[in-house]
Amino acid sequence: MKTTKLLAFLLTMTTIVTVAVGCTADKTTKEAAAEPKNRLEAIIERGYIEVATEPYFAPYEFIDPSKKGNEQYVGSDIKLAQYIADELGVELHIVPLEFSAVLSSITEKKYDLAISALSYTPARAQAMNMSKGYYFAEGGDGHGLLIRAEDAQNIKSAEDVADKVIVAQSGSLQELYVNEQIPKYKEFKRVSSTTDGFLMVQEKKADVCATSIPTAQLYIEANKDSGLMVIDSFEFYVDEKTSGTRIGIPLGEEELTDKINEIIDEVVNDGTFEQWHTEYTKYSKELGL
């Protein structure tokens, strides 16, 4: 009698364990099936995309002080970010950061995209996926040196920087150019934003700022008494094969990269981004940036 009861008990416990294990396995299978396979799917599932940017680089990204919240961030890059969000059917969340943090946020896969006037460098290409180029500088729209107008006779080439203090934005393409194309300098200082570099030259805390020429020209035009100028006898060499402003994407996210490239093709081929860039160049001038 006791043996029969024991067998019955064991059979009952076996059934309970089997059912429990079966339920757990079934739940695990369903959860695995429901999990997004890649970042593109995750973005669409959660309903928003997070874009990191350094909002102090007009006309690509800058702040309109008359606006608040997400709407205060404007520029041709921000317009592109919104277009991408719309194409994916999700909300856009702008994440303002210092430029070096923009880069690290993507290499660490913290945010979905870096849209911040990024240029190609071999180091970046190893640390993140980089999109196709969507804006290409032409005819004087490259990268050069900003100086005080009073020094125009003394600084005309890279060699003239040998006894000068040069400054550039930390983590920027200009920092790379200084390291590769300026043979000698007295001191090289890094700052968090290009505008800080302009101010350092203006306040005589540095002699030269490596910069995007269009950005420097916008600053000079908006600050006519700054006493600054871009030397016209020198530009940094830019390899055409790697030229163009690009989007940074977490490494290995091929599906998201393909979708971003598809969208870039649309806005480049029909001239839409060029129109945005022209529009926000005028906009930034009106704000005195």
C-alpha atoms as a PDB file:
ATOM      1  CA  MET A   1       0.000   0.000   0.000  1.00  0.00           C
ATOM      2  CA  LYS A   2       2.807   2.339   0.928  1.00  0.00           C
ATOM      3  CA  THR A   3       4.639   1.420  -2.291  1.00  0.00           C
ATOM      4  CA  THR A   4       1.567   2.268  -4.367  1.00  0.00           C
ATOM      5  CA  LYS A   5       1.184   5.645  -2.658  1.00  0.00           C
ATOM      6  CA  LEU A   6       4.886   6.377  -3.149  1.00  0.00           C
ATOM      7  CA  LEU A   7       4.684   5.561  -6.855  1.00  0.00           C
ATOM      8  CA  ALA A   8       1.630   7.758  -7.221  1.00  0.00           C
ATOM      9  CA  PHE A   9       3.411  10.599  -5.439  1.00  0.00           C
ATOM     10  CA  LEU A  10       6.504  10.251  -7.632  1.00  0.00           C
ATOM     11  CA  LEU A  11       4.389  10.186 -10.800  1.00  0.00           C
ATOM     12  CA  THR A  12       2.581  13.334  -9.675  1.00  0.00           C
ATOM     13  CA  MET A  13       5.838  15.150  -8.915  1.00  0.00           C
ATOM     14  CA  THR A  14       7.315  14.066 -12.263  1.00  0.00           C
ATOM     15  CA  THR A  15       4.272  15.441 -14.055  1.00  0.00           C
ATOM     16  CA  ILE A  16       4.520  18.748 -12.182  1.00  0.00           C
ATOM     17  CA  VAL A  17       8.235  19.091 -12.946  1.00  0.00           C
ATOM     18  CA  THR A  18       7.702  18.164 -16.604  1.00  0.00           C
ATOM     19  CA  VAL A  19       4.909  20.710 -16.987  1.00  0.00           C
ATOM     20  CA  ALA A  20       6.968  23.376 -15.200  1.00  0.00           C
ATOM     21  CA  VAL A  21       9.995  22.736 -17.380  1.00  0.00           C
ATOM     22  CA  GLY A  22       7.785  22.669 -20.450  1.00  0.00           C
ATOM     23  CA  CYS A  23       6.183  25.989 -19.521  1.00  0.00           C
ATOM     24  CA  THR A  24       9.573  27.557 -18.793  1.00  0.00           C
ATOM     25  CA  ALA A  25      10.991  26.352 -22.096  1.00  0.00           C
ATOM     26  CA  ASP A  26       7.905  27.537 -23.944  1.00  0.00           C
ATOM     27  CA  LYS A  27       8.122  30.954 -22.254  1.00  0.00           C
ATOM     28  CA  THR A  28      11.845  31.221 -23.038  1.00  0.00           C
ATOM     29  CA  THR A  29      11.181  30.332 -26.686  1.00  0.00           C
ATOM     30  CA  LYS A  30       8.423  32.932 -26.964  1.00  0.00           C
ATOM     31  CA  GLU A  31      10.560  35.608 -25.288  1.00  0.00           C
ATOM     32  CA  ALA A  32      13.471  34.836 -27.608  1.00  0.00           C
ATOM     33  CA  ALA A  33      11.199  35.023 -30.619  1.00  0.00           C
ATOM     34  CA  ALA A  34       9.832  38.368 -29.430  1.00  0.00           C
ATOM     35  CA  GLU A  35      13.244  39.969 -28.855  1.00  0.00           C
ATOM     36  CA  PRO A  36      14.437  42.315 -31.641  1.00  0.00           C
ATOM     37  CA  LYS A  37      17.046  40.658 -33.873  1.00  0.00           C
ATOM     38  CA  ASN A  38      19.000  43.866 -34.437  1.00  0.00           C
ATOM     39  CA  ARG A  39      19.093  47.574 -33.551  1.00  0.00           C
ATOM     40  CA  LEU A  40      16.866  48.623 -36.460  1.00  0.00           C
ATOM     41  CA  GLU A  41      14.115  46.307 -35.214  1.00  0.00           C
ATOM     42  CA  ALA A  42      14.660  47.546 -31.648  1.00  0.00           C
ATOM     43  CA  ILE A  43      14.245  51.187 -32.728  1.00  0.00           C
ATOM     44  CA  ILE A  44      11.011  50.452 -34.556  1.00  0.00           C
ATOM     45  CA  GLU A  45       9.687  48.347 -31.669  1.00  0.00           C
ATOM     46  CA  ARG A  46      10.329  50.973 -28.988  1.00  0.00           C
ATOM     47  CA  GLY A  47       9.015  53.802 -31.179  1.00  0.00           C
ATOM     48  CA  TYR A  48      11.914  56.286 -31.025  1.00  0.00           C
ATOM     49  CA  ILE A  49      15.471  56.764 -32.230  1.00  0.00           C
ATOM     50  CA  GLU A  50      18.215  58.376 -30.129  1.00  0.00           C
ATOM     51  CA  VAL A  51      20.625  60.605 -32.045  1.00  0.00           C
ATOM     52  CA  ALA A  52      23.767  62.008 -30.414  1.00  0.00           C
ATOM     53  CA  THR A  53      25.031  65.389 -31.624  1.00  0.00           C
ATOM     54  CA  GLU A  54      27.239  68.289 -30.552  1.00  0.00           C
ATOM     55  CA  PRO A  55      24.883  71.231 -31.237  1.00  0.00           C
ATOM     56  CA  TYR A  56      27.485  73.964 -31.772  1.00  0.00           C
ATOM     57  CA  PHE A  57      28.528  73.489 -35.380  1.00  0.00           C
ATOM     58  CA  ALA A  58      26.380  75.657 -37.628  1.00  0.00           C
ATOM     59  CA  PRO A  59      24.874  75.149 -40.125  1.00  0.00           C
ATOM     60  CA  TYR A  60      24.865  71.398 -39.440  1.00  0.00           C
ATOM     61  CA  GLU A  61      23.619  71.544 -35.859  1.00  0.00           C
ATOM     62  CA  PHE A  62      23.058  74.528 -33.620  1.00  0.00           C
ATOM     63  CA  ILE A  63      20.674  75.939 -31.027  1.00  0.00           C
ATOM     64  CA  ASP A  64      17.856  78.390 -31.652  1.00  0.00           C
ATOM     65  CA  PRO A  65      17.546  80.161 -28.262  1.00  0.00           C
ATOM     66  CA  SER A  66      13.957  81.203 -29.019  1.00  0.00           C
ATOM     67  CA  LYS A  67      12.854  77.558 -28.860  1.00  0.00           C
ATOM     68  CA  LYS A  68      12.772  74.943 -26.110  1.00  0.00           C
ATOM     69  CA  GLY A  69      13.132  71.206 -25.718  1.00  0.00           C
ATOM     70  CA  ASN A  70      13.896  69.102 -28.751  1.00  0.00           C
ATOM     71  CA  GLU A  71      12.810  71.972 -31.032  1.00  0.00           C
ATOM     72  CA  GLN A  72      15.741  74.169 -29.987  1.00  0.00           C
ATOM     73  CA  TYR A  73      18.118  71.888 -31.901  1.00  0.00           C
ATOM     74  CA  VAL A  74      18.145  72.893 -35.551  1.00  0.00           C
ATOM     75  CA  GLY A  75      20.385  72.598 -38.609  1.00  0.00           C
ATOM     76  CA  SER A  76      20.817  70.537 -41.751  1.00  0.00           C
ATOM     77  CA  ASP A  77      21.966  67.510 -39.732  1.00  0.00           C
ATOM     78  CA  ILE A  78      18.989  67.809 -37.376  1.00  0.00           C
ATOM     79  CA  LYS A  79      16.702  67.996 -40.394  1.00  0.00           C
ATOM     80  CA  LEU A  80      18.308  64.788 -41.673  1.00  0.00           C
ATOM     81  CA  ALA A  81      17.832  63.146 -38.271  1.00  0.00           C
ATOM     82  CA  GLN A  82      14.133  64.052 -38.309  1.00  0.00           C
ATOM     83  CA  TYR A  83      13.783  62.744 -41.854  1.00  0.00           C
ATOM     84  CA  ILE A  84      15.315  59.422 -40.805  1.00  0.00           C
ATOM     85  CA  ALA A  85      12.944  59.190 -37.831  1.00  0.00           C
ATOM     86  CA  ASP A  86       9.973  59.921 -40.084  1.00  0.00           C
ATOM     87  CA  GLU A  87      11.078  57.291 -42.599  1.00  0.00           C
ATOM     88  CA  LEU A  88      11.297  54.731 -39.794  1.00  0.00           C
ATOM     89  CA  GLY A  89       7.955  55.836 -38.367  1.00  0.00           C
ATOM     90  CA  VAL A  90       9.392  56.695 -34.939  1.00  0.00           C
ATOM     91  CA  GLU A  91       9.979  59.756 -32.744  1.00  0.00           C
ATOM     92  CA  LEU A  92      13.292  61.595 -32.754  1.00  0.00           C
ATOM     93  CA  HIS A  93      15.140  62.041 -29.464  1.00  0.00           C
ATOM     94  CA  ILE A  94      18.128  64.397 -29.728  1.00  0.00           C
ATOM     95  CA  VAL A  95      20.941  63.771 -27.232  1.00  0.00           C
ATOM     96  CA  PRO A  96      23.249  66.840 -26.973  1.00  0.00           C
ATOM     97  CA  LEU A  97      26.822  65.991 -25.999  1.00  0.00           C
ATOM     98  CA  GLU A  98      30.376  67.253 -26.295  1.00  0.00           C
ATOM     99  CA  PHE A  99      31.911  66.048 -29.537  1.00  0.00           C
ATOM    100  CA  SER A 100      34.243  63.479 -27.958  1.00  0.00           C
ATOM    101  CA  ALA A 101      31.260  62.075 -26.054  1.00  0.00           C
ATOM    102  CA  VAL A 102      29.271  61.867 -29.296  1.00  0.00           C
ATOM    103  CA  LEU A 103      31.944  59.582 -30.708  1.00  0.00           C
ATOM    104  CA  SER A 104      32.312  57.426 -27.584  1.00  0.00           C
ATOM    105  CA  SER A 105      28.534  57.085 -27.226  1.00  0.00           C
ATOM    106  CA  ILE A 106      28.441  55.271 -30.560  1.00  0.00           C
ATOM    107  CA  THR A 107      31.559  53.152 -30.055  1.00  0.00           C
ATOM    108  CA  GLU A 108      30.059  52.089 -26.722  1.00  0.00           C
ATOM    109  CA  LYS A 109      26.704  51.478 -28.472  1.00  0.00           C
ATOM    110  CA  LYS A 110      24.879  53.745 -26.035  1.00  0.00           C
ATOM    111  CA  TYR A 111      22.823  55.581 -28.681  1.00  0.00           C
ATOM    112  CA  ASP A 112      21.549  54.687 -32.132  1.00  0.00           C
ATOM    113  CA  LEU A 113      23.233  57.259 -34.374  1.00  0.00           C
ATOM    114  CA  ALA A 114      25.800  60.051 -34.278  1.00  0.00           C
ATOM    115  CA  ILE A 115      24.760  62.845 -36.628  1.00  0.00           C
ATOM    116  CA  SER A 116      27.220  65.619 -35.944  1.00  0.00           C
ATOM    117  CA  ALA A 117      29.060  66.614 -39.151  1.00  0.00           C
ATOM    118  CA  LEU A 118      31.224  63.505 -38.835  1.00  0.00           C
ATOM    119  CA  SER A 119      33.973  62.911 -41.351  1.00  0.00           C
ATOM    120  CA  TYR A 120      35.636  59.619 -42.180  1.00  0.00           C
ATOM    121  CA  THR A 121      38.835  58.620 -40.403  1.00  0.00           C
ATOM    122  CA  PRO A 122      40.402  55.142 -40.335  1.00  0.00           C
ATOM    123  CA  ALA A 123      40.089  55.045 -36.527  1.00  0.00           C
ATOM    124  CA  ARG A 124      36.387  55.870 -36.644  1.00  0.00           C
ATOM    125  CA  ALA A 125      35.790  53.301 -39.378  1.00  0.00           C
ATOM    126  CA  GLN A 126      37.281  50.622 -37.115  1.00  0.00           C
ATOM    127  CA  ALA A 127      35.257  51.688 -34.069  1.00  0.00           C
ATOM    128  CA  MET A 128      31.858  52.197 -35.703  1.00  0.00           C
ATOM    129  CA  ASN A 129      29.945  51.649 -38.917  1.00  0.00           C
ATOM    130  CA  MET A 130      30.036  54.779 -41.063  1.00  0.00           C
ATOM    131  CA  SER A 131      27.340  55.665 -43.547  1.00  0.00           C
ATOM    132  CA  LYS A 132      27.797  56.886 -47.080  1.00  0.00           C
ATOM    133  CA  GLY A 133      28.736  60.533 -47.418  1.00  0.00           C
ATOM    134  CA  TYR A 134      25.818  62.945 -47.642  1.00  0.00           C
ATOM    135  CA  TYR A 135      27.548  66.332 -47.947  1.00  0.00           C
ATOM    136  CA  PHE A 136      30.718  66.979 -49.906  1.00  0.00           C
ATOM    137  CA  ALA A 137      32.761  70.156 -49.502  1.00  0.00           C
ATOM    138  CA  GLU A 138      33.745  71.829 -52.738  1.00  0.00           C
ATOM    139  CA  GLY A 139      35.719  74.878 -53.778  1.00  0.00           C
ATOM    140  CA  GLY A 140      36.910  76.595 -50.620  1.00  0.00           C
ATOM    141  CA  ASP A 141      34.527  74.674 -48.371  1.00  0.00           C
ATOM    142  CA  GLY A 142      37.244  72.478 -46.920  1.00  0.00           C
ATOM    143  CA  HIS A 143      39.373  72.732 -43.801  1.00  0.00           C
ATOM    144  CA  GLY A 144      41.928  75.391 -43.001  1.00  0.00           C
ATOM    145  CA  LEU A 145      43.402  77.736 -40.425  1.00  0.00           C
ATOM    146  CA  LEU A 146      41.724  80.641 -38.649  1.00  0.00           C
ATOM    147  CA  ILE A 147      44.014  83.380 -37.339  1.00  0.00           C
ATOM    148  CA  ARG A 148      43.895  86.978 -36.127  1.00  0.00           C
ATOM    149  CA  ALA A 149      43.918  89.364 -39.080  1.00  0.00           C
ATOM    150  CA  GLU A 150      46.852  91.195 -37.523  1.00  0.00           C
ATOM    151  CA  ASP A 151      48.964  88.049 -38.028  1.00  0.00           C
ATOM    152  CA  ALA A 152      48.142  87.660 -41.734  1.00  0.00           C
ATOM    153  CA  GLN A 153      51.648  88.559 -42.867  1.00  0.00           C
ATOM    154  CA  ASN A 154      53.253  86.062 -40.497  1.00  0.00           C
ATOM    155  CA  ILE A 155      51.028  82.996 -40.914  1.00  0.00           C
ATOM    156  CA  LYS A 156      50.534  81.887 -44.511  1.00  0.00           C
ATOM    157  CA  SER A 157      51.376  78.174 -44.437  1.00  0.00           C
ATOM    158  CA  ALA A 158      51.665  75.122 -42.210  1.00  0.00           C
ATOM    159  CA  GLU A 159      55.349  75.847 -41.697  1.00  0.00           C
ATOM    160  CA  ASP A 160      54.522  79.264 -40.208  1.00  0.00           C
ATOM    161  CA  VAL A 161      52.813  77.556 -37.268  1.00  0.00           C
ATOM    162  CA  ALA A 162      56.145  76.205 -35.972  1.00  0.00           C
ATOM    163  CA  ASP A 163      56.403  78.777 -33.162  1.00  0.00           C
ATOM    164  CA  LYS A 164      52.646  79.211 -32.636  1.00  0.00           C
ATOM    165  CA  VAL A 165      49.985  77.787 -30.332  1.00  0.00           C
ATOM    166  CA  ILE A 166      47.391  75.892 -32.361  1.00  0.00           C
ATOM    167  CA  VAL A 167      43.981  74.750 -31.174  1.00  0.00           C
ATOM    168  CA  ALA A 168      41.356  72.324 -32.497  1.00  0.00           C
ATOM    169  CA  GLN A 169      38.234  70.571 -31.300  1.00  0.00           C
ATOM    170  CA  SER A 170      39.042  67.375 -29.429  1.00  0.00           C
ATOM    171  CA  GLY A 171      38.203  64.263 -31.428  1.00  0.00           C
ATOM    172  CA  SER A 172      37.552  66.244 -34.603  1.00  0.00           C
ATOM    173  CA  LEU A 173      38.831  65.708 -38.115  1.00  0.00           C
ATOM    174  CA  GLN A 174      40.807  68.935 -37.723  1.00  0.00           C
ATOM    175  CA  GLU A 175      42.681  67.416 -34.772  1.00  0.00           C
ATOM    176  CA  LEU A 176      43.698  64.558 -37.050  1.00  0.00           C
ATOM    177  CA  TYR A 177      44.800  66.994 -39.779  1.00  0.00           C
ATOM    178  CA  VAL A 178      46.956  68.936 -37.335  1.00  0.00           C
ATOM    179  CA  ASN A 179      48.669  65.746 -36.217  1.00  0.00           C
ATOM    180  CA  GLU A 180      49.247  64.593 -39.792  1.00  0.00           C
ATOM    181  CA  GLN A 181      49.815  67.795 -41.757  1.00  0.00           C
ATOM    182  CA  ILE A 182      51.263  70.436 -39.434  1.00  0.00           C
ATOM    183  CA  PRO A 183      54.959  69.514 -39.179  1.00  0.00           C
ATOM    184  CA  LYS A 184      55.737  71.548 -36.080  1.00  0.00           C
ATOM    185  CA  TYR A 185      54.050  73.808 -33.538  1.00  0.00           C
ATOM    186  CA  LYS A 186      54.831  75.365 -30.190  1.00  0.00           C
ATOM    187  CA  GLU A 187      51.812  73.848 -28.444  1.00  0.00           C
ATOM    188  CA  PHE A 188      48.651  72.004 -29.475  1.00  0.00           C
ATOM    189  CA  LYS A 189      45.547  72.661 -27.367  1.00  0.00           C
ATOM    190  CA  ARG A 190      42.251  70.770 -27.560  1.00  0.00           C
ATOM    191  CA  VAL A 191      38.837  72.256 -26.783  1.00  0.00           C
ATOM    192  CA  SER A 192      35.337  70.806 -26.536  1.00  0.00           C
ATOM    193  CA  SER A 193      33.855  72.918 -29.353  1.00  0.00           C
ATOM    194  CA  THR A 194      35.139  74.729 -32.426  1.00  0.00           C
ATOM    195  CA  THR A 195      33.636  78.003 -31.186  1.00  0.00           C
ATOM    196  CA  ASP A 196      35.825  77.729 -28.079  1.00  0.00           C
ATOM    197  CA  GLY A 197      38.802  77.491 -30.423  1.00  0.00           C
ATOM    198  CA  PHE A 198      37.746  80.670 -32.227  1.00  0.00           C
ATOM    199  CA  LEU A 199      37.437  82.488 -28.906  1.00  0.00           C
ATOM    200  CA  MET A 200      40.871  81.325 -27.812  1.00  0.00           C
ATOM    201  CA  VAL A 201      42.420  82.846 -30.938  1.00  0.00           C
ATOM    202  CA  GLN A 202      40.338  86.005 -30.536  1.00  0.00           C
ATOM    203  CA  GLU A 203      41.423  86.343 -26.888  1.00  0.00           C
ATOM    204  CA  LYS A 204      45.085  85.572 -27.758  1.00  0.00           C
ATOM    205  CA  LYS A 205      45.131  82.336 -25.790  1.00  0.00           C
ATOM    206  CA  ALA A 206      46.082  80.604 -29.052  1.00  0.00           C
ATOM    207  CA  ASP A 207      47.385  81.824 -32.391  1.00  0.00           C
ATOM    208  CA  VAL A 208      45.753  79.452 -34.861  1.00  0.00           C
ATOM    209  CA  CYS A 209      42.585  77.346 -34.936  1.00  0.00           C
ATOM    210  CA  ALA A 210      42.248  74.377 -37.279  1.00  0.00           C
ATOM    211  CA  THR A 211      38.674  74.520 -38.527  1.00  0.00           C
ATOM    212  CA  SER A 212      36.055  73.828 -41.144  1.00  0.00           C
ATOM    213  CA  ILE A 213      36.267  76.863 -43.428  1.00  0.00           C
ATOM    214  CA  PRO A 214      32.477  77.385 -43.824  1.00  0.00           C
ATOM    215  CA  THR A 215      31.995  77.258 -40.047  1.00  0.00           C
ATOM    216  CA  ALA A 216      34.769  79.797 -39.534  1.00  0.00           C
ATOM    217  CA  GLN A 217      33.324  82.079 -42.198  1.00  0.00           C
ATOM    218  CA  LEU A 218      29.910  81.982 -40.539  1.00  0.00           C
ATOM    219  CA  TYR A 219      31.477  82.955 -37.216  1.00  0.00           C
ATOM    220  CA  ILE A 220      33.489  85.793 -38.748  1.00  0.00           C
ATOM    221  CA  GLU A 221      30.437  87.135 -40.576  1.00  0.00           C
ATOM    222  CA  ALA A 222      28.367  87.037 -37.393  1.00  0.00           C
ATOM    223  CA  ASN A 223      31.155  88.638 -35.345  1.00  0.00           C
ATOM    224  CA  LYS A 224      32.495  91.334 -37.641  1.00  0.00           C
ATOM    225  CA  ASP A 225      34.565  92.973 -34.903  1.00  0.00           C
ATOM    226  CA  SER A 226      36.292  89.708 -33.930  1.00  0.00           C
ATOM    227  CA  GLY A 227      39.437  90.579 -35.872  1.00  0.00           C
ATOM    228  CA  LEU A 228      39.625  87.008 -37.207  1.00  0.00           C
ATOM    229  CA  MET A 229      40.174  85.644 -40.690  1.00  0.00           C
ATOM    230  CA  VAL A 230      40.816  82.373 -42.519  1.00  0.00           C
ATOM    231  CA  ILE A 231      44.086  82.318 -44.434  1.00  0.00           C
ATOM    232  CA  ASP A 232      43.414  81.748 -48.141  1.00  0.00           C
ATOM    233  CA  SER A 233      46.852  80.376 -49.004  1.00  0.00           C
ATOM    234  CA  PHE A 234      46.458  77.063 -47.153  1.00  0.00           C
ATOM    235  CA  GLU A 235      43.957  74.204 -46.901  1.00  0.00           C
ATOM    236  CA  PHE A 236      44.375  70.783 -45.368  1.00  0.00           C
ATOM    237  CA  TYR A 237      44.595  67.927 -47.848  1.00  0.00           C
ATOM    238  CA  VAL A 238      41.445  65.797 -47.947  1.00  0.00           C
ATOM    239  CA  ASP A 239      41.420  62.384 -49.625  1.00  0.00           C
ATOM    240  CA  GLU A 240      38.490  62.349 -52.049  1.00  0.00           C
ATOM    241  CA  LYS A 241      37.976  58.620 -51.452  1.00  0.00           C
ATOM    242  CA  THR A 242      37.099  59.266 -47.823  1.00  0.00           C
ATOM    243  CA  SER A 243      35.528  62.714 -48.120  1.00  0.00           C
ATOM    244  CA  GLY A 244      31.970  63.584 -47.228  1.00  0.00           C
ATOM    245  CA  THR A 245      30.022  64.137 -44.033  1.00  0.00           C
ATOM    246  CA  ARG A 246      28.761  60.842 -42.621  1.00  0.00           C
ATOM    247  CA  ILE A 247      26.615  59.256 -39.922  1.00  0.00           C
ATOM    248  CA  GLY A 248      28.129  57.115 -37.160  1.00  0.00           C
ATOM    249  CA  ILE A 249      26.351  53.847 -36.392  1.00  0.00           C
ATOM    250  CA  PRO A 250      27.180  51.248 -33.712  1.00  0.00           C
ATOM    251  CA  LEU A 251      29.643  48.686 -35.034  1.00  0.00           C
ATOM    252  CA  GLY A 252      28.106  45.591 -36.573  1.00  0.00           C
ATOM    253  CA  GLU A 253      24.602  47.023 -37.044  1.00  0.00           C
ATOM    254  CA  GLU A 254      24.446  46.204 -40.748  1.00  0.00           C
ATOM    255  CA  GLU A 255      20.659  46.316 -41.103  1.00  0.00           C
ATOM    256  CA  LEU A 256      20.514  49.814 -39.612  1.00  0.00           C
ATOM    257  CA  THR A 257      23.487  50.908 -41.741  1.00  0.00           C
ATOM    258  CA  ASP A 258      21.827  49.654 -44.920  1.00  0.00           C
ATOM    259  CA  LYS A 259      18.614  51.519 -44.078  1.00  0.00           C
ATOM    260  CA  ILE A 260      20.506  54.733 -43.280  1.00  0.00           C
ATOM    261  CA  ASN A 261      22.415  54.482 -46.581  1.00  0.00           C
ATOM    262  CA  GLU A 262      19.142  53.981 -48.426  1.00  0.00           C
ATOM    263  CA  ILE A 263      17.754  57.172 -46.879  1.00  0.00           C
ATOM    264  CA  ILE A 264      20.981  59.074 -47.602  1.00  0.00           C
ATOM    265  CA  ASP A 265      20.741  58.090 -51.264  1.00  0.00           C
ATOM    266  CA  GLU A 266      17.263  59.634 -51.362  1.00  0.00           C
ATOM    267  CA  VAL A 267      18.212  63.013 -49.864  1.00  0.00           C
ATOM    268  CA  VAL A 268      21.472  63.294 -51.799  1.00  0.00           C
ATOM    269  CA  ASN A 269      20.257  62.213 -55.232  1.00  0.00           C
ATOM    270  CA  ASP A 270      17.277  64.587 -55.287  1.00  0.00           C
ATOM    271  CA  GLY A 271      19.255  67.501 -53.801  1.00  0.00           C
ATOM    272  CA  THR A 272      17.206  67.611 -50.607  1.00  0.00           C
ATOM    273  CA  PHE A 273      20.152  67.729 -48.213  1.00  0.00           C
ATOM    274  CA  GLU A 274      21.838  70.439 -50.261  1.00  0.00           C
ATOM    275  CA  GLN A 275      18.638  72.507 -49.926  1.00  0.00           C
ATOM    276  CA  TRP A 276      18.590  71.944 -46.154  1.00  0.00           C
ATOM    277  CA  HIS A 277      22.229  72.975 -45.907  1.00  0.00           C
ATOM    278  CA  THR A 278      21.565  76.193 -47.810  1.00  0.00           C
ATOM    279  CA  GLU A 279      18.446  76.889 -45.740  1.00  0.00           C
ATOM    280  CA  TYR A 280      20.198  76.431 -42.394  1.00  0.00           C
ATOM    281  CA  THR A 281      23.271  78.363 -43.478  1.00  0.00           C
ATOM    282  CA  LYS A 282      20.939  81.349 -43.951  1.00  0.00           C
ATOM    283  CA  TYR A 283      19.110  80.508 -40.698  1.00  0.00           C
ATOM    284  CA  SER A 284      22.325  80.458 -38.660  1.00  0.00           C
ATOM    285  CA  LYS A 285      23.416  83.775 -40.145  1.00  0.00           C
ATOM    286  CA  GLU A 286      20.107  85.344 -39.118  1.00  0.00           C
ATOM    287  CA  LEU A 287      20.733  84.148 -35.542  1.00  0.00           C
ATOM    288  CA  GLY A 288      24.188  85.675 -35.656  1.00  0.00           C
ATOM    289  CA  LEU A 289      26.007  82.350 -35.260  1.00  0.00           C
END
